[in-house]
Amino acid sequence: MDISTTIAHRAYEAAKLGTSPSADTPVGRAAQQFADVVAMGEQVAMQSMTSNGDPHKLVEALTQSELAVQTAVSARDKVVEAYQEILRMPV
């Protein structure tokens, strides 16, 4: 293995750890809650497909997952919109 490749890999790993959201920040908590809601929806859907699951729980879980995805997309759109506004600012 080339030494420069090893150094680059170590630098990438160090930067990756520094930029990932931690669980104690509001963004980290929101991301974790989003992942939990989507995982719960997937779990209930799998149970409904493999056994006689409760259809009401399935509808509830899918609705919660849909709401979580819509909220995440809305937040992403606001961030992109703010970034575009910053780019339009005169220097």
PDB file of N, CA and C in Angstrom:
ATOM      1  N   MET A   1       0.842  -1.178   0.000  1.00  0.00           N
ATOM      2  CA  MET A   1       0.000   0.000   0.000  1.00  0.00           C
ATOM      3  C   MET A   1       0.883   1.236   0.000  1.00  0.00           C
ATOM      4  N   ASP A   2       0.506   2.196  -0.781  1.00  0.00           N
ATOM      5  CA  ASP A   2       1.254   3.438  -0.898  1.00  0.00           C
ATOM      6  C   ASP A   2       1.111   4.257   0.383  1.00  0.00           C
ATOM      7  N   ILE A   3       2.190   4.864   0.821  1.00  0.00           N
ATOM      8  CA  ILE A   3       2.177   5.633   2.064  1.00  0.00           C
ATOM      9  C   ILE A   3       1.236   6.829   1.952  1.00  0.00           C
ATOM     10  N   SER A   4       1.220   7.496   0.810  1.00  0.00           N
ATOM     11  CA  SER A   4       0.345   8.660   0.661  1.00  0.00           C
ATOM     12  C   SER A   4      -1.129   8.249   0.717  1.00  0.00           C
ATOM     13  N   THR A   5      -1.454   7.059   0.246  1.00  0.00           N
ATOM     14  CA  THR A   5      -2.827   6.566   0.328  1.00  0.00           C
ATOM     15  C   THR A   5      -3.213   6.319   1.777  1.00  0.00           C
ATOM     16  N   THR A   6      -2.302   5.769   2.553  1.00  0.00           N
ATOM     17  CA  THR A   6      -2.565   5.524   3.969  1.00  0.00           C
ATOM     18  C   THR A   6      -2.777   6.835   4.718  1.00  0.00           C
ATOM     19  N   ILE A   7      -1.948   7.809   4.444  1.00  0.00           N
ATOM     20  CA  ILE A   7      -2.081   9.111   5.093  1.00  0.00           C
ATOM     21  C   ILE A   7      -3.410   9.763   4.715  1.00  0.00           C
ATOM     22  N   ALA A   8      -3.763   9.678   3.448  1.00  0.00           N
ATOM     23  CA  ALA A   8      -5.030  10.261   3.002  1.00  0.00           C
ATOM     24  C   ALA A   8      -6.212   9.565   3.664  1.00  0.00           C
ATOM     25  N   HIS A   9      -6.115   8.254   3.802  1.00  0.00           N
ATOM     26  CA  HIS A   9      -7.198   7.496   4.435  1.00  0.00           C
ATOM     27  C   HIS A   9      -7.351   7.895   5.901  1.00  0.00           C
ATOM     28  N   ARG A  10      -6.249   8.031   6.603  1.00  0.00           N
ATOM     29  CA  ARG A  10      -6.305   8.445   8.011  1.00  0.00           C
ATOM     30  C   ARG A  10      -6.875   9.854   8.153  1.00  0.00           C
ATOM     31  N   ALA A  11      -6.477  10.749   7.269  1.00  0.00           N
ATOM     32  CA  ALA A  11      -6.998  12.117   7.316  1.00  0.00           C
ATOM     33  C   ALA A  11      -8.497  12.133   7.027  1.00  0.00           C
ATOM     34  N   TYR A  12      -8.921  11.304   6.083  1.00  0.00           N
ATOM     35  CA  TYR A  12     -10.352  11.220   5.762  1.00  0.00           C
ATOM     36  C   TYR A  12     -11.139  10.707   6.955  1.00  0.00           C
ATOM     37  N   GLU A  13     -10.654   9.676   7.612  1.00  0.00           N
ATOM     38  CA  GLU A  13     -11.346   9.119   8.776  1.00  0.00           C
ATOM     39  C   GLU A  13     -11.429  10.139   9.909  1.00  0.00           C
ATOM     40  N   ALA A  14     -10.357  10.903  10.119  1.00  0.00           N
ATOM     41  CA  ALA A  14     -10.374  11.923  11.169  1.00  0.00           C
ATOM     42  C   ALA A  14     -11.376  13.027  10.838  1.00  0.00           C
ATOM     43  N   ALA A  15     -11.426  13.430   9.578  1.00  0.00           N
ATOM     44  CA  ALA A  15     -12.378  14.466   9.174  1.00  0.00           C
ATOM     45  C   ALA A  15     -13.806  13.953   9.246  1.00  0.00           C
ATOM     46  N   LYS A  16     -13.996  12.700   8.929  1.00  0.00           N
ATOM     47  CA  LYS A  16     -15.335  12.103   8.955  1.00  0.00           C
ATOM     48  C   LYS A  16     -15.893  12.099  10.375  1.00  0.00           C
ATOM     49  N   LEU A  17     -15.064  11.781  11.345  1.00  0.00           N
ATOM     50  CA  LEU A  17     -15.509  11.779  12.735  1.00  0.00           C
ATOM     51  C   LEU A  17     -15.863  13.180  13.206  1.00  0.00           C
ATOM     52  N   GLY A  18     -15.140  14.170  12.735  1.00  0.00           N
ATOM     53  CA  GLY A  18     -15.388  15.537  13.160  1.00  0.00           C
ATOM     54  C   GLY A  18     -16.617  16.169  12.542  1.00  0.00           C
ATOM     55  N   THR A  19     -17.071  15.649  11.417  1.00  0.00           N
ATOM     56  CA  THR A  19     -18.214  16.257  10.737  1.00  0.00           C
ATOM     57  C   THR A  19     -19.514  15.511  10.944  1.00  0.00           C
ATOM     58  N   SER A  20     -19.486  14.331  11.520  1.00  0.00           N
ATOM     59  CA  SER A  20     -20.733  13.596  11.723  1.00  0.00           C
ATOM     60  C   SER A  20     -21.494  14.194  12.902  1.00  0.00           C
ATOM     61  N   PRO A  21     -22.836  14.282  12.787  1.00  0.00           N
ATOM     62  CA  PRO A  21     -23.601  14.879  13.889  1.00  0.00           C
ATOM     63  C   PRO A  21     -23.576  13.978  15.109  1.00  0.00           C
ATOM     64  N   SER A  22     -23.312  14.571  16.254  1.00  0.00           N
ATOM     65  CA  SER A  22     -23.311  13.779  17.477  1.00  0.00           C
ATOM     66  C   SER A  22     -24.722  13.745  18.048  1.00  0.00           C
ATOM     67  N   ALA A  23     -24.992  12.775  18.887  1.00  0.00           N
ATOM     68  CA  ALA A  23     -26.337  12.560  19.412  1.00  0.00           C
ATOM     69  C   ALA A  23     -26.750  13.628  20.413  1.00  0.00           C
ATOM     70  N   ASP A  24     -25.808  14.415  20.922  1.00  0.00           N
ATOM     71  CA  ASP A  24     -26.176  15.413  21.930  1.00  0.00           C
ATOM     72  C   ASP A  24     -26.503  16.781  21.333  1.00  0.00           C
ATOM     73  N   THR A  25     -26.493  16.914  20.021  1.00  0.00           N
ATOM     74  CA  THR A  25     -26.881  18.164  19.377  1.00  0.00           C
ATOM     75  C   THR A  25     -28.322  18.055  18.886  1.00  0.00           C
ATOM     76  N   PRO A  26     -28.995  19.175  18.710  1.00  0.00           N
ATOM     77  CA  PRO A  26     -30.376  19.106  18.200  1.00  0.00           C
ATOM     78  C   PRO A  26     -30.476  18.423  16.836  1.00  0.00           C
ATOM     79  N   VAL A  27     -29.514  18.676  15.966  1.00  0.00           N
ATOM     80  CA  VAL A  27     -29.537  18.038  14.648  1.00  0.00           C
ATOM     81  C   VAL A  27     -29.318  16.536  14.788  1.00  0.00           C
ATOM     82  N   GLY A  28     -28.421  16.142  15.661  1.00  0.00           N
ATOM     83  CA  GLY A  28     -28.166  14.720  15.884  1.00  0.00           C
ATOM     84  C   GLY A  28     -29.374  14.010  16.462  1.00  0.00           C
ATOM     85  N   ARG A  29     -30.047  14.669  17.412  1.00  0.00           N
ATOM     86  CA  ARG A  29     -31.259  14.068  17.993  1.00  0.00           C
ATOM     87  C   ARG A  29     -32.363  13.948  16.951  1.00  0.00           C
ATOM     88  N   ALA A  30     -32.522  14.972  16.122  1.00  0.00           N
ATOM     89  CA  ALA A  30     -33.548  14.929  15.078  1.00  0.00           C
ATOM     90  C   ALA A  30     -33.245  13.825  14.072  1.00  0.00           C
ATOM     91  N   ALA A  31     -31.983  13.678  13.705  1.00  0.00           N
ATOM     92  CA  ALA A  31     -31.611  12.618  12.769  1.00  0.00           C
ATOM     93  C   ALA A  31     -31.852  11.245  13.377  1.00  0.00           C
ATOM     94  N   GLN A  32     -31.552  11.090  14.646  1.00  0.00           N
ATOM     95  CA  GLN A  32     -31.773   9.805  15.314  1.00  0.00           C
ATOM     96  C   GLN A  32     -33.262   9.497  15.419  1.00  0.00           C
ATOM     97  N   GLN A  33     -34.072  10.500  15.747  1.00  0.00           N
ATOM     98  CA  GLN A  33     -35.519  10.293  15.827  1.00  0.00           C
ATOM     99  C   GLN A  33     -36.090   9.928  14.460  1.00  0.00           C
ATOM    100  N   PHE A  34     -35.598  10.578  13.413  1.00  0.00           N
ATOM    101  CA  PHE A  34     -36.040  10.257  12.054  1.00  0.00           C
ATOM    102  C   PHE A  34     -35.706   8.809  11.716  1.00  0.00           C
ATOM    103  N   ALA A  35     -34.484   8.405  12.015  1.00  0.00           N
ATOM    104  CA  ALA A  35     -34.073   7.027  11.730  1.00  0.00           C
ATOM    105  C   ALA A  35     -34.899   6.029  12.530  1.00  0.00           C
ATOM    106  N   ASP A  36     -35.209   6.355  13.777  1.00  0.00           N
ATOM    107  CA  ASP A  36     -36.017   5.461  14.613  1.00  0.00           C
ATOM    108  C   ASP A  36     -37.430   5.302  14.065  1.00  0.00           C
ATOM    109  N   VAL A  37     -38.038   6.405  13.634  1.00  0.00           N
ATOM    110  CA  VAL A  37     -39.407   6.344  13.104  1.00  0.00           C
ATOM    111  C   VAL A  37     -39.453   5.519  11.825  1.00  0.00           C
ATOM    112  N   VAL A  38     -38.494   5.739  10.939  1.00  0.00           N
ATOM    113  CA  VAL A  38     -38.471   4.987   9.685  1.00  0.00           C
ATOM    114  C   VAL A  38     -38.196   3.509   9.952  1.00  0.00           C
ATOM    115  N   ALA A  39     -37.295   3.212  10.869  1.00  0.00           N
ATOM    116  CA  ALA A  39     -37.003   1.813  11.204  1.00  0.00           C
ATOM    117  C   ALA A  39     -38.220   1.129  11.815  1.00  0.00           C
ATOM    118  N   MET A  40     -38.960   1.849  12.652  1.00  0.00           N
ATOM    119  CA  MET A  40     -40.171   1.281  13.247  1.00  0.00           C
ATOM    120  C   MET A  40     -41.198   0.972  12.163  1.00  0.00           C
ATOM    121  N   GLY A  41     -41.363   1.871  11.216  1.00  0.00           N
ATOM    122  CA  GLY A  41     -42.287   1.633  10.108  1.00  0.00           C
ATOM    123  C   GLY A  41     -41.898   0.423   9.292  1.00  0.00           C
ATOM    124  N   GLU A  42     -40.603   0.273   9.030  1.00  0.00           N
ATOM    125  CA  GLU A  42     -40.123  -0.890   8.287  1.00  0.00           C
ATOM    126  C   GLU A  42     -40.345  -2.174   9.070  1.00  0.00           C
ATOM    127  N   GLN A  43     -40.112  -2.122  10.365  1.00  0.00           N
ATOM    128  CA  GLN A  43     -40.288  -3.308  11.201  1.00  0.00           C
ATOM    129  C   GLN A  43     -41.752  -3.743  11.232  1.00  0.00           C
ATOM    130  N   VAL A  44     -42.664  -2.802  11.401  1.00  0.00           N
ATOM    131  CA  VAL A  44     -44.093  -3.132  11.428  1.00  0.00           C
ATOM    132  C   VAL A  44     -44.536  -3.659  10.065  1.00  0.00           C
ATOM    133  N   ALA A  45     -44.026  -3.075   8.988  1.00  0.00           N
ATOM    134  CA  ALA A  45     -44.374  -3.551   7.646  1.00  0.00           C
ATOM    135  C   ALA A  45     -43.883  -4.978   7.429  1.00  0.00           C
ATOM    136  N   MET A  46     -42.677  -5.278   7.887  1.00  0.00           N
ATOM    137  CA  MET A  46     -42.150  -6.645   7.749  1.00  0.00           C
ATOM    138  C   MET A  46     -42.981  -7.630   8.557  1.00  0.00           C
ATOM    139  N   GLN A  47     -43.386  -7.241   9.766  1.00  0.00           N
ATOM    140  CA  GLN A  47     -44.218  -8.117  10.587  1.00  0.00           C
ATOM    141  C   GLN A  47     -45.565  -8.361   9.920  1.00  0.00           C
ATOM    142  N   SER A  48     -46.116  -7.350   9.297  1.00  0.00           N
ATOM    143  CA  SER A  48     -47.412  -7.499   8.631  1.00  0.00           C
ATOM    144  C   SER A  48     -47.310  -8.409   7.416  1.00  0.00           C
ATOM    145  N   MET A  49     -46.174  -8.395   6.742  1.00  0.00           N
ATOM    146  CA  MET A  49     -46.007  -9.246   5.561  1.00  0.00           C
ATOM    147  C   MET A  49     -45.724 -10.692   5.930  1.00  0.00           C
ATOM    148  N   THR A  50     -45.039 -10.913   7.043  1.00  0.00           N
ATOM    149  CA  THR A  50     -44.644 -12.277   7.393  1.00  0.00           C
ATOM    150  C   THR A  50     -45.633 -12.978   8.307  1.00  0.00           C
ATOM    151  N   SER A  51     -46.489 -12.239   8.981  1.00  0.00           N
ATOM    152  CA  SER A  51     -47.456 -12.864   9.882  1.00  0.00           C
ATOM    153  C   SER A  51     -48.756 -12.069   9.842  1.00  0.00           C
ATOM    154  N   ASN A  52     -49.665 -12.455  10.675  1.00  0.00           N
ATOM    155  CA  ASN A  52     -50.932 -11.735  10.738  1.00  0.00           C
ATOM    156  C   ASN A  52     -50.793 -10.530  11.656  1.00  0.00           C
ATOM    157  N   GLY A  53     -50.161  -9.488  11.147  1.00  0.00           N
ATOM    158  CA  GLY A  53     -49.982  -8.271  11.925  1.00  0.00           C
ATOM    159  C   GLY A  53     -51.256  -7.441  11.938  1.00  0.00           C
ATOM    160  N   ASP A  54     -51.327  -6.539  12.864  1.00  0.00           N
ATOM    161  CA  ASP A  54     -52.483  -5.664  12.995  1.00  0.00           C
ATOM    162  C   ASP A  54     -52.453  -4.615  11.881  1.00  0.00           C
ATOM    163  N   PRO A  55     -53.471  -4.568  11.027  1.00  0.00           N
ATOM    164  CA  PRO A  55     -53.458  -3.590   9.930  1.00  0.00           C
ATOM    165  C   PRO A  55     -53.520  -2.144  10.426  1.00  0.00           C
ATOM    166  N   HIS A  56     -54.123  -1.929  11.578  1.00  0.00           N
ATOM    167  CA  HIS A  56     -54.189  -0.567  12.119  1.00  0.00           C
ATOM    168  C   HIS A  56     -52.801  -0.076  12.532  1.00  0.00           C
ATOM    169  N   LYS A  57     -52.000  -0.968  13.117  1.00  0.00           N
ATOM    170  CA  LYS A  57     -50.627  -0.593  13.483  1.00  0.00           C
ATOM    171  C   LYS A  57     -49.800  -0.311  12.232  1.00  0.00           C
ATOM    172  N   LEU A  58     -50.056  -1.093  11.179  1.00  0.00           N
ATOM    173  CA  LEU A  58     -49.332  -0.887   9.928  1.00  0.00           C
ATOM    174  C   LEU A  58     -49.647   0.489   9.349  1.00  0.00           C
ATOM    175  N   VAL A  59     -50.919   0.836   9.298  1.00  0.00           N
ATOM    176  CA  VAL A  59     -51.311   2.140   8.760  1.00  0.00           C
ATOM    177  C   VAL A  59     -50.731   3.264   9.616  1.00  0.00           C
ATOM    178  N   GLU A  60     -50.770   3.103  10.928  1.00  0.00           N
ATOM    179  CA  GLU A  60     -50.225   4.125  11.826  1.00  0.00           C
ATOM    180  C   GLU A  60     -48.720   4.289  11.627  1.00  0.00           C
ATOM    181  N   ALA A  61     -47.998   3.183  11.531  1.00  0.00           N
ATOM    182  CA  ALA A  61     -46.544   3.251  11.353  1.00  0.00           C
ATOM    183  C   ALA A  61     -46.182   3.860  10.003  1.00  0.00           C
ATOM    184  N   LEU A  62     -46.917   3.484   8.960  1.00  0.00           N
ATOM    185  CA  LEU A  62     -46.627   4.042   7.642  1.00  0.00           C
ATOM    186  C   LEU A  62     -46.949   5.535   7.586  1.00  0.00           C
ATOM    187  N   THR A  63     -47.997   5.951   8.269  1.00  0.00           N
ATOM    188  CA  THR A  63     -48.339   7.374   8.317  1.00  0.00           C
ATOM    189  C   THR A  63     -47.267   8.161   9.064  1.00  0.00           C
ATOM    190  N   GLN A  64     -46.773   7.612  10.162  1.00  0.00           N
ATOM    191  CA  GLN A  64     -45.699   8.284  10.906  1.00  0.00           C
ATOM    192  C   GLN A  64     -44.429   8.369  10.068  1.00  0.00           C
ATOM    193  N   SER A  65     -44.118   7.299   9.340  1.00  0.00           N
ATOM    194  CA  SER A  65     -42.937   7.310   8.476  1.00  0.00           C
ATOM    195  C   SER A  65     -43.090   8.347   7.370  1.00  0.00           C
ATOM    196  N   GLU A  66     -44.275   8.404   6.777  1.00  0.00           N
ATOM    197  CA  GLU A  66     -44.520   9.376   5.716  1.00  0.00           C
ATOM    198  C   GLU A  66     -44.380  10.805   6.236  1.00  0.00           C
ATOM    199  N   LEU A  67     -44.912  11.067   7.411  1.00  0.00           N
ATOM    200  CA  LEU A  67     -44.801  12.397   8.011  1.00  0.00           C
ATOM    201  C   LEU A  67     -43.340  12.743   8.311  1.00  0.00           C
ATOM    202  N   ALA A  68     -42.577  11.768   8.796  1.00  0.00           N
ATOM    203  CA  ALA A  68     -41.161  12.002   9.092  1.00  0.00           C
ATOM    204  C   ALA A  68     -40.386  12.319   7.817  1.00  0.00           C
ATOM    205  N   VAL A  69     -40.674  11.595   6.742  1.00  0.00           N
ATOM    206  CA  VAL A  69     -39.979  11.846   5.476  1.00  0.00           C
ATOM    207  C   VAL A  69     -40.363  13.221   4.930  1.00  0.00           C
ATOM    208  N   GLN A  70     -41.638  13.569   4.998  1.00  0.00           N
ATOM    209  CA  GLN A  70     -42.070  14.887   4.529  1.00  0.00           C
ATOM    210  C   GLN A  70     -41.415  16.005   5.338  1.00  0.00           C
ATOM    211  N   THR A  71     -41.284  15.812   6.636  1.00  0.00           N
ATOM    212  CA  THR A  71     -40.632  16.811   7.484  1.00  0.00           C
ATOM    213  C   THR A  71     -39.157  16.942   7.129  1.00  0.00           C
ATOM    214  N   ALA A  72     -38.488  15.812   6.910  1.00  0.00           N
ATOM    215  CA  ALA A  72     -37.069  15.846   6.549  1.00  0.00           C
ATOM    216  C   ALA A  72     -36.869  16.524   5.198  1.00  0.00           C
ATOM    217  N   VAL A  73     -37.729  16.240   4.243  1.00  0.00           N
ATOM    218  CA  VAL A  73     -37.623  16.867   2.924  1.00  0.00           C
ATOM    219  C   VAL A  73     -37.873  18.368   3.030  1.00  0.00           C
ATOM    220  N   SER A  74     -38.833  18.759   3.840  1.00  0.00           N
ATOM    221  CA  SER A  74     -39.119  20.181   4.033  1.00  0.00           C
ATOM    222  C   SER A  74     -37.927  20.899   4.662  1.00  0.00           C
ATOM    223  N   ALA A  75     -37.317  20.282   5.657  1.00  0.00           N
ATOM    224  CA  ALA A  75     -36.134  20.878   6.296  1.00  0.00           C
ATOM    225  C   ALA A  75     -34.983  20.976   5.304  1.00  0.00           C
ATOM    226  N   ARG A  76     -34.791  19.930   4.507  1.00  0.00           N
ATOM    227  CA  ARG A  76     -33.735  19.956   3.495  1.00  0.00           C
ATOM    228  C   ARG A  76     -33.974  21.073   2.492  1.00  0.00           C
ATOM    229  N   ASP A  77     -35.227  21.237   2.058  1.00  0.00           N
ATOM    230  CA  ASP A  77     -35.552  22.291   1.104  1.00  0.00           C
ATOM    231  C   ASP A  77     -35.259  23.673   1.678  1.00  0.00           C
ATOM    232  N   LYS A  78     -35.549  23.867   2.957  1.00  0.00           N
ATOM    233  CA  LYS A  78     -35.268  25.159   3.600  1.00  0.00           C
ATOM    234  C   LYS A  78     -33.766  25.425   3.669  1.00  0.00           C
ATOM    235  N   VAL A  79     -32.990  24.395   3.956  1.00  0.00           N
ATOM    236  CA  VAL A  79     -31.532  24.554   4.014  1.00  0.00           C
ATOM    237  C   VAL A  79     -30.987  24.901   2.634  1.00  0.00           C
ATOM    238  N   VAL A  80     -31.466  24.207   1.605  1.00  0.00           N
ATOM    239  CA  VAL A  80     -31.016  24.489   0.239  1.00  0.00           C
ATOM    240  C   VAL A  80     -31.417  25.900  -0.169  1.00  0.00           C
ATOM    241  N   GLU A  81     -32.629  26.302   0.174  1.00  0.00           N
ATOM    242  CA  GLU A  81     -33.104  27.650  -0.146  1.00  0.00           C
ATOM    243  C   GLU A  81     -32.241  28.708   0.541  1.00  0.00           C
ATOM    244  N   ALA A  82     -31.894  28.489   1.798  1.00  0.00           N
ATOM    245  CA  ALA A  82     -31.040  29.433   2.519  1.00  0.00           C
ATOM    246  C   ALA A  82     -29.650  29.495   1.895  1.00  0.00           C
ATOM    247  N   TYR A  83     -29.122  28.348   1.498  1.00  0.00           N
ATOM    248  CA  TYR A  83     -27.808  28.309   0.858  1.00  0.00           C
ATOM    249  C   TYR A  83     -27.834  29.079  -0.460  1.00  0.00           C
ATOM    250  N   GLN A  84     -28.899  28.907  -1.229  1.00  0.00           N
ATOM    251  CA  GLN A  84     -29.008  29.629  -2.496  1.00  0.00           C
ATOM    252  C   GLN A  84     -29.111  31.137  -2.270  1.00  0.00           C
ATOM    253  N   GLU A  85     -29.808  31.538  -1.220  1.00  0.00           N
ATOM    254  CA  GLU A  85     -29.894  32.964  -0.892  1.00  0.00           C
ATOM    255  C   GLU A  85     -28.520  33.523  -0.530  1.00  0.00           C
ATOM    256  N   ILE A  86     -27.743  32.749   0.195  1.00  0.00           N
ATOM    257  CA  ILE A  86     -26.384  33.187   0.551  1.00  0.00           C
ATOM    258  C   ILE A  86     -25.536  33.343  -0.704  1.00  0.00           C
ATOM    259  N   LEU A  87     -25.689  32.418  -1.652  1.00  0.00           N
ATOM    260  CA  LEU A  87     -24.915  32.507  -2.890  1.00  0.00           C
ATOM    261  C   LEU A  87     -25.298  33.731  -3.722  1.00  0.00           C
ATOM    262  N   ARG A  88     -26.533  34.183  -3.610  1.00  0.00           N
ATOM    263  CA  ARG A  88     -26.993  35.339  -4.382  1.00  0.00           C
ATOM    264  C   ARG A  88     -26.565  36.671  -3.771  1.00  0.00           C
ATOM    265  N   MET A  89     -26.069  36.650  -2.552  1.00  0.00           N
ATOM    266  CA  MET A  89     -25.677  37.900  -1.888  1.00  0.00           C
ATOM    267  C   MET A  89     -24.487  38.531  -2.604  1.00  0.00           C
ATOM    268  N   PRO A  90     -24.539  39.857  -2.764  1.00  0.00           N
ATOM    269  CA  PRO A  90     -23.384  40.516  -3.387  1.00  0.00           C
ATOM    270  C   PRO A  90     -22.189  40.508  -2.440  1.00  0.00           C
ATOM    271  N   VAL A  91     -21.030  40.443  -3.033  1.00  0.00           N
ATOM    272  CA  VAL A  91     -19.813  40.380  -2.237  1.00  0.00           C
ATOM    273  C   VAL A  91     -19.320  41.759  -1.900  1.00  0.00           C
TER     274      VAL A  91
END
